[in-house]
PDB file of N, CA and C in Angstrom:
ATOM      1  N   MET A   1     -10.975 -17.117  69.497  1.00  0.00           N
ATOM      2  CA  MET A   1     -10.754 -15.999  68.602  1.00  0.00           C
ATOM      3  C   MET A   1     -12.091 -15.254  68.487  1.00  0.00           C
ATOM      4  N   ASN A   2     -12.056 -13.953  68.727  1.00  0.00           N
ATOM      5  CA  ASN A   2     -13.299 -13.185  68.659  1.00  0.00           C
ATOM      6  C   ASN A   2     -13.562 -12.724  67.222  1.00  0.00           C
ATOM      7  N   GLU A   3     -14.697 -12.100  67.012  1.00  0.00           N
ATOM      8  CA  GLU A   3     -15.119 -11.679  65.668  1.00  0.00           C
ATOM      9  C   GLU A   3     -14.166 -10.636  65.077  1.00  0.00           C
ATOM     10  N   GLU A   4     -13.665  -9.759  65.893  1.00  0.00           N
ATOM     11  CA  GLU A   4     -12.736  -8.735  65.414  1.00  0.00           C
ATOM     12  C   GLU A   4     -11.442  -9.369  64.918  1.00  0.00           C
ATOM     13  N   GLN A   5     -10.959 -10.354  65.640  1.00  0.00           N
ATOM     14  CA  GLN A   5      -9.744 -11.056  65.234  1.00  0.00           C
ATOM     15  C   GLN A   5      -9.982 -11.856  63.952  1.00  0.00           C
ATOM     16  N   LYS A   6     -11.159 -12.472  63.842  1.00  0.00           N
ATOM     17  CA  LYS A   6     -11.501 -13.220  62.623  1.00  0.00           C
ATOM     18  C   LYS A   6     -11.558 -12.287  61.422  1.00  0.00           C
ATOM     19  N   ALA A   7     -12.152 -11.116  61.610  1.00  0.00           N
ATOM     20  CA  ALA A   7     -12.242 -10.142  60.522  1.00  0.00           C
ATOM     21  C   ALA A   7     -10.847  -9.662  60.123  1.00  0.00           C
ATOM     22  N   ALA A   8      -9.999  -9.417  61.095  1.00  0.00           N
ATOM     23  CA  ALA A   8      -8.629  -8.974  60.810  1.00  0.00           C
ATOM     24  C   ALA A   8      -7.855 -10.058  60.074  1.00  0.00           C
ATOM     25  N   LEU A   9      -8.036 -11.306  60.470  1.00  0.00           N
ATOM     26  CA  LEU A   9      -7.369 -12.420  59.804  1.00  0.00           C
ATOM     27  C   LEU A   9      -7.854 -12.556  58.365  1.00  0.00           C
ATOM     28  N   ALA A  10      -9.158 -12.435  58.165  1.00  0.00           N
ATOM     29  CA  ALA A  10      -9.718 -12.525  56.812  1.00  0.00           C
ATOM     30  C   ALA A  10      -9.184 -11.394  55.941  1.00  0.00           C
ATOM     31  N   ALA A  11      -9.100 -10.186  56.500  1.00  0.00           N
ATOM     32  CA  ALA A  11      -8.571  -9.043  55.751  1.00  0.00           C
ATOM     33  C   ALA A  11      -7.110  -9.267  55.396  1.00  0.00           C
ATOM     34  N   ALA A  12      -6.336  -9.788  56.328  1.00  0.00           N
ATOM     35  CA  ALA A  12      -4.919 -10.060  56.066  1.00  0.00           C
ATOM     36  C   ALA A  12      -4.750 -11.120  54.982  1.00  0.00           C
ATOM     37  N   GLN A  13      -5.597 -12.147  54.999  1.00  0.00           N
ATOM     38  CA  GLN A  13      -5.533 -13.192  53.979  1.00  0.00           C
ATOM     39  C   GLN A  13      -5.904 -12.629  52.607  1.00  0.00           C
ATOM     40  N   THR A  14      -6.908 -11.756  52.578  1.00  0.00           N
ATOM     41  CA  THR A  14      -7.308 -11.128  51.316  1.00  0.00           C
ATOM     42  C   THR A  14      -6.172 -10.268  50.761  1.00  0.00           C
ATOM     43  N   GLN A  15      -5.522  -9.512  51.637  1.00  0.00           N
ATOM     44  CA  GLN A  15      -4.397  -8.679  51.217  1.00  0.00           C
ATOM     45  C   GLN A  15      -3.226  -9.531  50.738  1.00  0.00           C
ATOM     46  N   ALA A  16      -2.977 -10.627  51.397  1.00  0.00           N
ATOM     47  CA  ALA A  16      -1.887 -11.516  50.986  1.00  0.00           C
ATOM     48  C   ALA A  16      -2.167 -12.109  49.612  1.00  0.00           C
ATOM     49  N   THR A  17      -3.414 -12.484  49.379  1.00  0.00           N
ATOM     50  CA  THR A  17      -3.795 -13.029  48.073  1.00  0.00           C
ATOM     51  C   THR A  17      -3.640 -11.973  46.982  1.00  0.00           C
ATOM     52  N   ALA A  18      -4.081 -10.744  47.274  1.00  0.00           N
ATOM     53  CA  ALA A  18      -3.964  -9.655  46.302  1.00  0.00           C
ATOM     54  C   ALA A  18      -2.499  -9.338  46.018  1.00  0.00           C
ATOM     55  N   LEU A  19      -1.671  -9.335  47.052  1.00  0.00           N
ATOM     56  CA  LEU A  19      -0.244  -9.074  46.877  1.00  0.00           C
ATOM     57  C   LEU A  19       0.421 -10.163  46.038  1.00  0.00           C
ATOM     58  N   ALA A  20       0.053 -11.403  46.276  1.00  0.00           N
ATOM     59  CA  ALA A  20       0.617 -12.507  45.492  1.00  0.00           C
ATOM     60  C   ALA A  20       0.216 -12.377  44.024  1.00  0.00           C
ATOM     61  N   ALA A  21      -1.037 -12.011  43.776  1.00  0.00           N
ATOM     62  CA  ALA A  21      -1.495 -11.824  42.399  1.00  0.00           C
ATOM     63  C   ALA A  21      -0.758 -10.668  41.733  1.00  0.00           C
ATOM     64  N   ALA A  22      -0.588  -9.562  42.452  1.00  0.00           N
ATOM     65  CA  ALA A  22       0.125  -8.404  41.904  1.00  0.00           C
ATOM     66  C   ALA A  22       1.576  -8.751  41.599  1.00  0.00           C
ATOM     67  N   ASN A  23       2.209  -9.495  42.490  1.00  0.00           N
ATOM     68  CA  ASN A  23       3.594  -9.906  42.244  1.00  0.00           C
ATOM     69  C   ASN A  23       3.694 -10.830  41.036  1.00  0.00           C
ATOM     70  N   GLY A  24       2.681 -11.673  40.841  1.00  0.00           N
ATOM     71  CA  GLY A  24       2.670 -12.538  39.663  1.00  0.00           C
ATOM     72  C   GLY A  24       2.571 -11.738  38.374  1.00  0.00           C
ATOM     73  N   VAL A  25       1.702 -10.741  38.370  1.00  0.00           N
ATOM     74  CA  VAL A  25       1.553  -9.878  37.191  1.00  0.00           C
ATOM     75  C   VAL A  25       2.840  -9.091  36.961  1.00  0.00           C
ATOM     76  N   LEU A  26       3.414  -8.570  38.028  1.00  0.00           N
ATOM     77  CA  LEU A  26       4.667  -7.821  37.889  1.00  0.00           C
ATOM     78  C   LEU A  26       5.773  -8.705  37.320  1.00  0.00           C
ATOM     79  N   GLY A  27       5.816  -9.942  37.741  1.00  0.00           N
ATOM     80  CA  GLY A  27       6.793 -10.869  37.178  1.00  0.00           C
ATOM     81  C   GLY A  27       6.584 -11.079  35.688  1.00  0.00           C
ATOM     82  N   GLN A  28       5.328 -11.147  35.274  1.00  0.00           N
ATOM     83  CA  GLN A  28       5.030 -11.286  33.842  1.00  0.00           C
ATOM     84  C   GLN A  28       5.466 -10.039  33.082  1.00  0.00           C
ATOM     85  N   VAL A  29       5.252  -8.866  33.670  1.00  0.00           N
ATOM     86  CA  VAL A  29       5.690  -7.616  33.043  1.00  0.00           C
ATOM     87  C   VAL A  29       7.203  -7.608  32.900  1.00  0.00           C
ATOM     88  N   TRP A  30       7.919  -7.983  33.971  1.00  0.00           N
ATOM     89  CA  TRP A  30       9.375  -8.047  33.910  1.00  0.00           C
ATOM     90  C   TRP A  30       9.826  -8.968  32.776  1.00  0.00           C
ATOM     91  N   ALA A  31       9.194 -10.130  32.685  1.00  0.00           N
ATOM     92  CA  ALA A  31       9.586 -11.097  31.649  1.00  0.00           C
ATOM     93  C   ALA A  31       9.286 -10.560  30.254  1.00  0.00           C
ATOM     94  N   ALA A  32       8.119  -9.968  30.077  1.00  0.00           N
ATOM     95  CA  ALA A  32       7.739  -9.460  28.763  1.00  0.00           C
ATOM     96  C   ALA A  32       8.650  -8.321  28.315  1.00  0.00           C
ATOM     97  N   LEU A  33       9.059  -7.482  29.256  1.00  0.00           N
ATOM     98  CA  LEU A  33       9.924  -6.351  28.918  1.00  0.00           C
ATOM     99  C   LEU A  33      11.400  -6.709  28.936  1.00  0.00           C
ATOM    100  N   GLY A  34      11.734  -7.850  29.517  1.00  0.00           N
ATOM    101  CA  GLY A  34      13.136  -8.253  29.600  1.00  0.00           C
ATOM    102  C   GLY A  34      13.929  -7.416  30.595  1.00  0.00           C
ATOM    103  N   VAL A  35      13.279  -7.053  31.712  1.00  0.00           N
ATOM    104  CA  VAL A  35      13.956  -6.265  32.749  1.00  0.00           C
ATOM    105  C   VAL A  35      14.095  -7.102  34.013  1.00  0.00           C
ATOM    106  N   GLU A  36      14.917  -6.617  34.927  1.00  0.00           N
ATOM    107  CA  GLU A  36      15.138  -7.351  36.168  1.00  0.00           C
ATOM    108  C   GLU A  36      14.724  -6.579  37.409  1.00  0.00           C
ATOM    109  N   SER A  37      14.207  -5.348  37.227  1.00  0.00           N
ATOM    110  CA  SER A  37      13.772  -4.576  38.384  1.00  0.00           C
ATOM    111  C   SER A  37      12.688  -3.586  37.969  1.00  0.00           C
ATOM    112  N   ASP A  38      11.945  -3.109  38.962  1.00  0.00           N
ATOM    113  CA  ASP A  38      10.910  -2.112  38.704  1.00  0.00           C
ATOM    114  C   ASP A  38      11.517  -0.831  38.135  1.00  0.00           C
ATOM    115  N   ALA A  39      12.699  -0.485  38.571  1.00  0.00           N
ATOM    116  CA  ALA A  39      13.344   0.754  38.147  1.00  0.00           C
ATOM    117  C   ALA A  39      13.628   0.777  36.648  1.00  0.00           C
ATOM    118  N   GLU A  40      13.779  -0.387  36.037  1.00  0.00           N
ATOM    119  CA  GLU A  40      14.083  -0.463  34.600  1.00  0.00           C
ATOM    120  C   GLU A  40      12.841  -0.314  33.726  1.00  0.00           C
ATOM    121  N   ILE A  41      11.668  -0.481  34.287  1.00  0.00           N
ATOM    122  CA  ILE A  41      10.429  -0.488  33.500  1.00  0.00           C
ATOM    123  C   ILE A  41      10.191   0.828  32.766  1.00  0.00           C
ATOM    124  N   PRO A  42      10.253   2.005  33.412  1.00  0.00           N
ATOM    125  CA  PRO A  42       9.987   3.249  32.673  1.00  0.00           C
ATOM    126  C   PRO A  42      10.922   3.461  31.488  1.00  0.00           C
ATOM    127  N   ALA A  43      12.207   3.191  31.663  1.00  0.00           N
ATOM    128  CA  ALA A  43      13.158   3.369  30.565  1.00  0.00           C
ATOM    129  C   ALA A  43      12.850   2.419  29.416  1.00  0.00           C
ATOM    130  N   LYS A  44      12.503   1.183  29.751  1.00  0.00           N
ATOM    131  CA  LYS A  44      12.184   0.200  28.713  1.00  0.00           C
ATOM    132  C   LYS A  44      10.925   0.612  27.946  1.00  0.00           C
ATOM    133  N   LEU A  45       9.907   1.095  28.678  1.00  0.00           N
ATOM    134  CA  LEU A  45       8.676   1.544  28.020  1.00  0.00           C
ATOM    135  C   LEU A  45       8.935   2.753  27.127  1.00  0.00           C
ATOM    136  N   THR A  46       9.800   3.645  27.575  1.00  0.00           N
ATOM    137  CA  THR A  46      10.160   4.803  26.749  1.00  0.00           C
ATOM    138  C   THR A  46      10.853   4.352  25.472  1.00  0.00           C
ATOM    139  N   ALA A  47      11.786   3.425  25.600  1.00  0.00           N
ATOM    140  CA  ALA A  47      12.499   2.915  24.423  1.00  0.00           C
ATOM    141  C   ALA A  47      11.534   2.227  23.456  1.00  0.00           C
ATOM    142  N   LEU A  48      10.612   1.449  23.992  1.00  0.00           N
ATOM    143  CA  LEU A  48       9.637   0.772  23.132  1.00  0.00           C
ATOM    144  C   LEU A  48       8.707   1.767  22.449  1.00  0.00           C
ATOM    145  N   SER A  49       8.356   2.845  23.151  1.00  0.00           N
ATOM    146  CA  SER A  49       7.510   3.882  22.560  1.00  0.00           C
ATOM    147  C   SER A  49       8.222   4.568  21.396  1.00  0.00           C
ATOM    148  N   VAL A  50       9.512   4.829  21.573  1.00  0.00           N
ATOM    149  CA  VAL A  50      10.304   5.432  20.497  1.00  0.00           C
ATOM    150  C   VAL A  50      10.362   4.488  19.304  1.00  0.00           C
ATOM    151  N   GLN A  51      10.592   3.205  19.561  1.00  0.00           N
ATOM    152  CA  GLN A  51      10.636   2.223  18.470  1.00  0.00           C
ATOM    153  C   GLN A  51       9.292   2.142  17.758  1.00  0.00           C
ATOM    154  N   ALA A  52       8.209   2.188  18.506  1.00  0.00           N
ATOM    155  CA  ALA A  52       6.875   2.126  17.897  1.00  0.00           C
ATOM    156  C   ALA A  52       6.628   3.341  17.014  1.00  0.00           C
ATOM    157  N   ALA A  53       7.020   4.520  17.486  1.00  0.00           N
ATOM    158  CA  ALA A  53       6.847   5.734  16.682  1.00  0.00           C
ATOM    159  C   ALA A  53       7.684   5.657  15.408  1.00  0.00           C
ATOM    160  N   ASN A  54       8.921   5.182  15.538  1.00  0.00           N
ATOM    161  CA  ASN A  54       9.773   5.018  14.355  1.00  0.00           C
ATOM    162  C   ASN A  54       9.168   4.015  13.378  1.00  0.00           C
ATOM    163  N   GLY A  55       8.616   2.940  13.911  1.00  0.00           N
ATOM    164  CA  GLY A  55       7.974   1.943  13.055  1.00  0.00           C
ATOM    165  C   GLY A  55       6.774   2.506  12.318  1.00  0.00           C
ATOM    166  N   ALA A  56       5.991   3.319  13.004  1.00  0.00           N
ATOM    167  CA  ALA A  56       4.820   3.933  12.366  1.00  0.00           C
ATOM    168  C   ALA A  56       5.252   4.873  11.241  1.00  0.00           C
ATOM    169  N   LEU A  57       6.304   5.667  11.483  1.00  0.00           N
ATOM    170  CA  LEU A  57       6.810   6.550  10.430  1.00  0.00           C
ATOM    171  C   LEU A  57       7.356   5.755   9.250  1.00  0.00           C
ATOM    172  N   TYR A  58       8.057   4.673   9.550  1.00  0.00           N
ATOM    173  CA  TYR A  58       8.602   3.817   8.493  1.00  0.00           C
ATOM    174  C   TYR A  58       7.475   3.207   7.657  1.00  0.00           C
ATOM    175  N   LYS A  59       6.415   2.795   8.320  1.00  0.00           N
ATOM    176  CA  LYS A  59       5.273   2.206   7.598  1.00  0.00           C
ATOM    177  C   LYS A  59       4.667   3.226   6.641  1.00  0.00           C
ATOM    178  N   VAL A  60       4.517   4.461   7.092  1.00  0.00           N
ATOM    179  CA  VAL A  60       3.978   5.513   6.214  1.00  0.00           C
ATOM    180  C   VAL A  60       4.896   5.709   5.018  1.00  0.00           C
ATOM    181  N   LYS A  61       6.195   5.778   5.277  1.00  0.00           N
ATOM    182  CA  LYS A  61       7.163   5.990   4.198  1.00  0.00           C
ATOM    183  C   LYS A  61       7.122   4.849   3.178  1.00  0.00           C
ATOM    184  N   VAL A  62       7.104   3.620   3.665  1.00  0.00           N
ATOM    185  CA  VAL A  62       7.082   2.465   2.765  1.00  0.00           C
ATOM    186  C   VAL A  62       5.776   2.419   1.979  1.00  0.00           C
ATOM    187  N   THR A  63       4.667   2.740   2.627  1.00  0.00           N
ATOM    188  CA  THR A  63       3.375   2.754   1.930  1.00  0.00           C
ATOM    189  C   THR A  63       3.381   3.808   0.828  1.00  0.00           C
ATOM    190  N   GLU A  64       3.931   4.981   1.128  1.00  0.00           N
ATOM    191  CA  GLU A  64       4.017   6.030   0.106  1.00  0.00           C
ATOM    192  C   GLU A  64       4.894   5.584  -1.060  1.00  0.00           C
ATOM    193  N   GLN A  65       6.007   4.928  -0.756  1.00  0.00           N
ATOM    194  CA  GLN A  65       6.891   4.443  -1.816  1.00  0.00           C
ATOM    195  C   GLN A  65       6.198   3.369  -2.649  1.00  0.00           C
ATOM    196  N   ALA A  66       5.468   2.487  -1.988  1.00  0.00           N
ATOM    197  CA  ALA A  66       4.754   1.432  -2.710  1.00  0.00           C
ATOM    198  C   ALA A  66       3.676   2.022  -3.609  1.00  0.00           C
ATOM    199  N   CYS A  67       2.982   3.022  -3.105  1.00  0.00           N
ATOM    200  CA  CYS A  67       1.949   3.666  -3.920  1.00  0.00           C
ATOM    201  C   CYS A  67       2.574   4.349  -5.129  1.00  0.00           C
ATOM    202  N   GLY A  68       3.709   5.009  -4.909  1.00  0.00           N
ATOM    203  CA  GLY A  68       4.409   5.644  -6.027  1.00  0.00           C
ATOM    204  C   GLY A  68       4.823   4.628  -7.067  1.00  0.00           C
ATOM    205  N   ALA A  69       5.339   3.496  -6.615  1.00  0.00           N
ATOM    206  CA  ALA A  69       5.742   2.440  -7.550  1.00  0.00           C
ATOM    207  C   ALA A  69       4.535   1.860  -8.272  1.00  0.00           C
ATOM    208  N   GLY A  70       3.429   1.713  -7.565  1.00  0.00           N
ATOM    209  CA  GLY A  70       2.207   1.199  -8.190  1.00  0.00           C
ATOM    210  C   GLY A  70       1.684   2.123  -9.251  1.00  0.00           C
ATOM    211  N   VAL A  71       1.704   3.411  -8.979  1.00  0.00           N
ATOM    212  CA  VAL A  71       1.248   4.400  -9.968  1.00  0.00           C
ATOM    213  C   VAL A  71       2.174   4.394 -11.171  1.00  0.00           C
ATOM    214  N   ARG A  72       3.487   4.323 -10.927  1.00  0.00           N
ATOM    215  CA  ARG A  72       4.426   4.292 -12.057  1.00  0.00           C
ATOM    216  C   ARG A  72       4.249   3.020 -12.896  1.00  0.00           C
ATOM    217  N   ALA A  73       3.967   1.913 -12.236  1.00  0.00           N
ATOM    218  CA  ALA A  73       3.844   0.637 -12.953  1.00  0.00           C
ATOM    219  C   ALA A  73       2.501   0.497 -13.661  1.00  0.00           C
ATOM    220  N   LEU A  74       1.424   0.920 -13.015  1.00  0.00           N
ATOM    221  CA  LEU A  74       0.088   0.676 -13.558  1.00  0.00           C
ATOM    222  C   LEU A  74      -0.656   1.926 -13.992  1.00  0.00           C
ATOM    223  N   GLY A  75      -0.083   3.059 -13.716  1.00  0.00           N
ATOM    224  CA  GLY A  75      -0.736   4.311 -14.091  1.00  0.00           C
ATOM    225  C   GLY A  75      -2.040   4.493 -13.330  1.00  0.00           C
ATOM    226  N   GLU A  76      -3.052   4.954 -14.048  1.00  0.00           N
ATOM    227  CA  GLU A  76      -4.345   5.231 -13.414  1.00  0.00           C
ATOM    228  C   GLU A  76      -5.075   3.973 -12.954  1.00  0.00           C
ATOM    229  N   ALA A  77      -4.645   2.819 -13.402  1.00  0.00           N
ATOM    230  CA  ALA A  77      -5.286   1.564 -12.981  1.00  0.00           C
ATOM    231  C   ALA A  77      -4.958   1.246 -11.515  1.00  0.00           C
ATOM    232  N   PHE A  78      -3.906   1.858 -10.997  1.00  0.00           N
ATOM    233  CA  PHE A  78      -3.527   1.632  -9.605  1.00  0.00           C
ATOM    234  C   PHE A  78      -4.225   2.663  -8.727  1.00  0.00           C
ATOM    235  N   SER A  79      -4.914   2.186  -7.716  1.00  0.00           N
ATOM    236  CA  SER A  79      -5.604   3.085  -6.793  1.00  0.00           C
ATOM    237  C   SER A  79      -4.749   3.272  -5.542  1.00  0.00           C
ATOM    238  N   ALA A  80      -4.013   4.367  -5.524  1.00  0.00           N
ATOM    239  CA  ALA A  80      -3.168   4.660  -4.368  1.00  0.00           C
ATOM    240  C   ALA A  80      -4.033   4.860  -3.127  1.00  0.00           C
ATOM    241  N   LYS A  81      -5.202   5.461  -3.304  1.00  0.00           N
ATOM    242  CA  LYS A  81      -6.084   5.696  -2.155  1.00  0.00           C
ATOM    243  C   LYS A  81      -6.534   4.368  -1.546  1.00  0.00           C
ATOM    244  N   ALA A  82      -6.947   3.436  -2.376  1.00  0.00           N
ATOM    245  CA  ALA A  82      -7.392   2.131  -1.875  1.00  0.00           C
ATOM    246  C   ALA A  82      -6.237   1.394  -1.214  1.00  0.00           C
ATOM    247  N   HIS A  83      -5.062   1.470  -1.796  1.00  0.00           N
ATOM    248  CA  HIS A  83      -3.886   0.804  -1.239  1.00  0.00           C
ATOM    249  C   HIS A  83      -3.534   1.394   0.130  1.00  0.00           C
ATOM    250  N   THR A  84      -3.587   2.715   0.232  1.00  0.00           N
ATOM    251  CA  THR A  84      -3.274   3.382   1.503  1.00  0.00           C
ATOM    252  C   THR A  84      -4.294   3.018   2.566  1.00  0.00           C
ATOM    253  N   LEU A  85      -5.574   2.990   2.216  1.00  0.00           N
ATOM    254  CA  LEU A  85      -6.613   2.639   3.172  1.00  0.00           C
ATOM    255  C   LEU A  85      -6.460   1.189   3.627  1.00  0.00           C
ATOM    256  N   TYR A  86      -6.086   0.311   2.723  1.00  0.00           N
ATOM    257  CA  TYR A  86      -5.937  -1.098   3.060  1.00  0.00           C
ATOM    258  C   TYR A  86      -4.779  -1.322   4.025  1.00  0.00           C
ATOM    259  N   HIS A  87      -3.742  -0.526   3.919  1.00  0.00           N
ATOM    260  CA  HIS A  87      -2.530  -0.749   4.722  1.00  0.00           C
ATOM    261  C   HIS A  87      -2.412   0.188   5.923  1.00  0.00           C
ATOM    262  N   ARG A  88      -3.525   0.614   6.461  1.00  0.00           N
ATOM    263  CA  ARG A  88      -3.477   1.466   7.664  1.00  0.00           C
ATOM    264  C   ARG A  88      -3.194   0.651   8.861  1.00  0.00           C
TER     265      ARG A  88
END
């Protein structure tokens, strides 16, 4: 085997190792997202992004409601600003 063939073999082995690692990561992504194909990944990520945005809006709403209840219950002794900063 000449040097060129050895270099080509080493390059092929490196590529095979990289491909195996990439496939392992992709399998973890599939498992984490609960999908069975690459084609499902964008839709799943979009759905999760929508859920995250809804969750963030819900958190703001609940924090505002809690601050309102705190002010009604404790009056000026309740620091809505401190409560809001704590729950960011």
